[in-house]
Amino acid sequence: NLWAETLENINRLDYLVFPRITALAEVAWNSPNERTDPKGFMNRVEKHLLLFEKASLYFYNPADPGKNPEPVQMKVRKPRFNTEE
C-alpha cells in the first residue's frame, strides 16, 4: 500500500508503483471479459518490464523476484517513554 508508506528514497517509490500501475491500467482499460487471461496479462507485463528497465526504474520483477530486492531501511527506534521507572 503506497499511500500509507513512509518512503525513504525514490527506489522505494518505484518499487511500490511498478509494475502495479500496469495492472491498474489493465483493469481500467479492458472489459471484464478481457481481464480473465492471466497468461496474456503476464506476456504484456513482460513488455512493460523492458520499458521499466530502459527508464532505469527500480521495480519488482515478477518473472525474476530476486533481481531487485525490496529497498527497505530498518530503523532502530528509541523508546518514546521511559519504562524502566
C-alpha atoms as a PDB file:
ATOM      1  CA  ASN A   1       0.000   0.000   0.000  1.00  0.00           C
ATOM      2  CA  LEU A   2       1.810   3.068  -1.245  1.00  0.00           C
ATOM      3  CA  TRP A   3      -0.356   5.720   0.338  1.00  0.00           C
ATOM      4  CA  ALA A   4       0.306   4.637   3.929  1.00  0.00           C
ATOM      5  CA  GLU A   5       4.045   4.131   3.458  1.00  0.00           C
ATOM      6  CA  THR A   6       6.920   6.327   4.519  1.00  0.00           C
ATOM      7  CA  LEU A   7       9.213   6.475   1.524  1.00  0.00           C
ATOM      8  CA  GLU A   8      12.904   6.867   2.279  1.00  0.00           C
ATOM      9  CA  ASN A   9      14.093   7.119  -1.334  1.00  0.00           C
ATOM     10  CA  ILE A  10      13.000   7.129  -4.971  1.00  0.00           C
ATOM     11  CA  ASN A  11      13.864   3.438  -5.426  1.00  0.00           C
ATOM     12  CA  ARG A  12      11.298   2.547  -2.784  1.00  0.00           C
ATOM     13  CA  LEU A  13       8.672   4.632  -4.601  1.00  0.00           C
ATOM     14  CA  ASP A  14       9.457   2.969  -7.930  1.00  0.00           C
ATOM     15  CA  TYR A  15       9.394  -0.481  -6.321  1.00  0.00           C
ATOM     16  CA  LEU A  16       5.929   0.102  -4.845  1.00  0.00           C
ATOM     17  CA  VAL A  17       4.464   1.615  -8.024  1.00  0.00           C
ATOM     18  CA  PHE A  18       5.916  -0.584 -10.788  1.00  0.00           C
ATOM     19  CA  PRO A  19       4.540  -2.926 -12.137  1.00  0.00           C
ATOM     20  CA  ARG A  20       1.390  -2.414 -10.019  1.00  0.00           C
ATOM     21  CA  ILE A  21       0.430   0.578 -12.128  1.00  0.00           C
ATOM     22  CA  THR A  22       0.465  -1.723 -15.164  1.00  0.00           C
ATOM     23  CA  ALA A  23      -2.116  -3.978 -13.512  1.00  0.00           C
ATOM     24  CA  LEU A  24      -4.251  -0.951 -12.640  1.00  0.00           C
ATOM     25  CA  ALA A  25      -4.171   0.197 -16.275  1.00  0.00           C
ATOM     26  CA  GLU A  26      -5.057  -3.315 -17.413  1.00  0.00           C
ATOM     27  CA  VAL A  27      -8.179  -3.324 -15.258  1.00  0.00           C
ATOM     28  CA  ALA A  28      -9.169   0.228 -16.201  1.00  0.00           C
ATOM     29  CA  TRP A  29      -8.780  -0.156 -19.957  1.00  0.00           C
ATOM     30  CA  ASN A  30     -10.109  -3.658 -20.549  1.00  0.00           C
ATOM     31  CA  SER A  31     -13.578  -5.083 -20.371  1.00  0.00           C
ATOM     32  CA  PRO A  32     -14.322  -7.717 -17.700  1.00  0.00           C
ATOM     33  CA  ASN A  33     -14.136 -10.471 -20.352  1.00  0.00           C
ATOM     34  CA  GLU A  34     -10.585  -9.448 -21.277  1.00  0.00           C
ATOM     35  CA  ARG A  35      -9.409  -9.479 -17.649  1.00  0.00           C
ATOM     36  CA  THR A  36      -9.638 -13.250 -17.274  1.00  0.00           C
ATOM     37  CA  ASP A  37      -6.446 -14.098 -19.182  1.00  0.00           C
ATOM     38  CA  PRO A  38      -3.570 -14.163 -16.663  1.00  0.00           C
ATOM     39  CA  LYS A  39      -1.089 -15.602 -19.194  1.00  0.00           C
ATOM     40  CA  GLY A  40      -1.888 -12.841 -21.673  1.00  0.00           C
ATOM     41  CA  PHE A  41      -1.519 -10.266 -18.927  1.00  0.00           C
ATOM     42  CA  MET A  42       1.893 -11.618 -17.905  1.00  0.00           C
ATOM     43  CA  ASN A  43       3.013 -11.507 -21.549  1.00  0.00           C
ATOM     44  CA  ARG A  44       2.014  -7.842 -21.693  1.00  0.00           C
ATOM     45  CA  VAL A  45       3.678  -7.121 -18.339  1.00  0.00           C
ATOM     46  CA  GLU A  46       6.960  -8.586 -19.593  1.00  0.00           C
ATOM     47  CA  LYS A  47       6.973  -5.992 -22.395  1.00  0.00           C
ATOM     48  CA  HIS A  48       6.461  -3.263 -19.817  1.00  0.00           C
ATOM     49  CA  LEU A  49       9.319  -4.614 -17.701  1.00  0.00           C
ATOM     50  CA  LEU A  50      11.656  -3.913 -20.612  1.00  0.00           C
ATOM     51  CA  LEU A  51      10.372  -0.331 -20.702  1.00  0.00           C
ATOM     52  CA  PHE A  52      10.888  -0.007 -16.938  1.00  0.00           C
ATOM     53  CA  GLU A  53      14.499  -1.173 -17.361  1.00  0.00           C
ATOM     54  CA  LYS A  54      15.084   1.331 -20.171  1.00  0.00           C
ATOM     55  CA  ALA A  55      13.753   4.097 -17.932  1.00  0.00           C
ATOM     56  CA  SER A  56      16.129   2.994 -15.129  1.00  0.00           C
ATOM     57  CA  LEU A  57      13.245   2.330 -12.752  1.00  0.00           C
ATOM     58  CA  TYR A  58      13.800   0.145  -9.699  1.00  0.00           C
ATOM     59  CA  PHE A  59      10.840  -2.220  -9.975  1.00  0.00           C
ATOM     60  CA  TYR A  60       9.554  -5.557  -8.736  1.00  0.00           C
ATOM     61  CA  ASN A  61      10.078  -8.149 -11.439  1.00  0.00           C
ATOM     62  CA  PRO A  62       7.513 -10.976 -11.143  1.00  0.00           C
ATOM     63  CA  ALA A  63       9.490 -13.064 -13.653  1.00  0.00           C
ATOM     64  CA  ASP A  64      12.690 -12.723 -11.576  1.00  0.00           C
ATOM     65  CA  PRO A  65      11.751 -11.690  -7.993  1.00  0.00           C
ATOM     66  CA  GLY A  66      15.352 -11.762  -6.764  1.00  0.00           C
ATOM     67  CA  LYS A  67      16.579  -9.321  -9.408  1.00  0.00           C
ATOM     68  CA  ASN A  68      15.662  -6.162  -7.487  1.00  0.00           C
ATOM     69  CA  PRO A  69      15.246  -6.820  -3.769  1.00  0.00           C
ATOM     70  CA  GLU A  70      12.785  -4.603  -1.973  1.00  0.00           C
ATOM     71  CA  PRO A  71      14.636  -1.467  -0.830  1.00  0.00           C
ATOM     72  CA  VAL A  72      13.765  -1.249   2.849  1.00  0.00           C
ATOM     73  CA  GLN A  73      15.740   0.506   5.538  1.00  0.00           C
ATOM     74  CA  MET A  74      15.133  -0.737   9.043  1.00  0.00           C
ATOM     75  CA  LYS A  75      15.451   1.942  11.667  1.00  0.00           C
ATOM     76  CA  VAL A  76      16.179   1.370  15.314  1.00  0.00           C
ATOM     77  CA  ARG A  77      13.655   3.438  17.180  1.00  0.00           C
ATOM     78  CA  LYS A  78      14.261   4.887  20.584  1.00  0.00           C
ATOM     79  CA  PRO A  79      11.576   4.187  23.169  1.00  0.00           C
ATOM     80  CA  ARG A  80       9.136   7.057  23.495  1.00  0.00           C
ATOM     81  CA  PHE A  81       8.595   6.516  27.188  1.00  0.00           C
ATOM     82  CA  ASN A  82      10.905   5.510  29.975  1.00  0.00           C
ATOM     83  CA  THR A  83       9.621   2.118  31.014  1.00  0.00           C
ATOM     84  CA  GLU A  84      12.449   1.496  33.491  1.00  0.00           C
ATOM     85  CA  GLU A  85      10.974   3.661  36.250  1.00  0.00           C
END
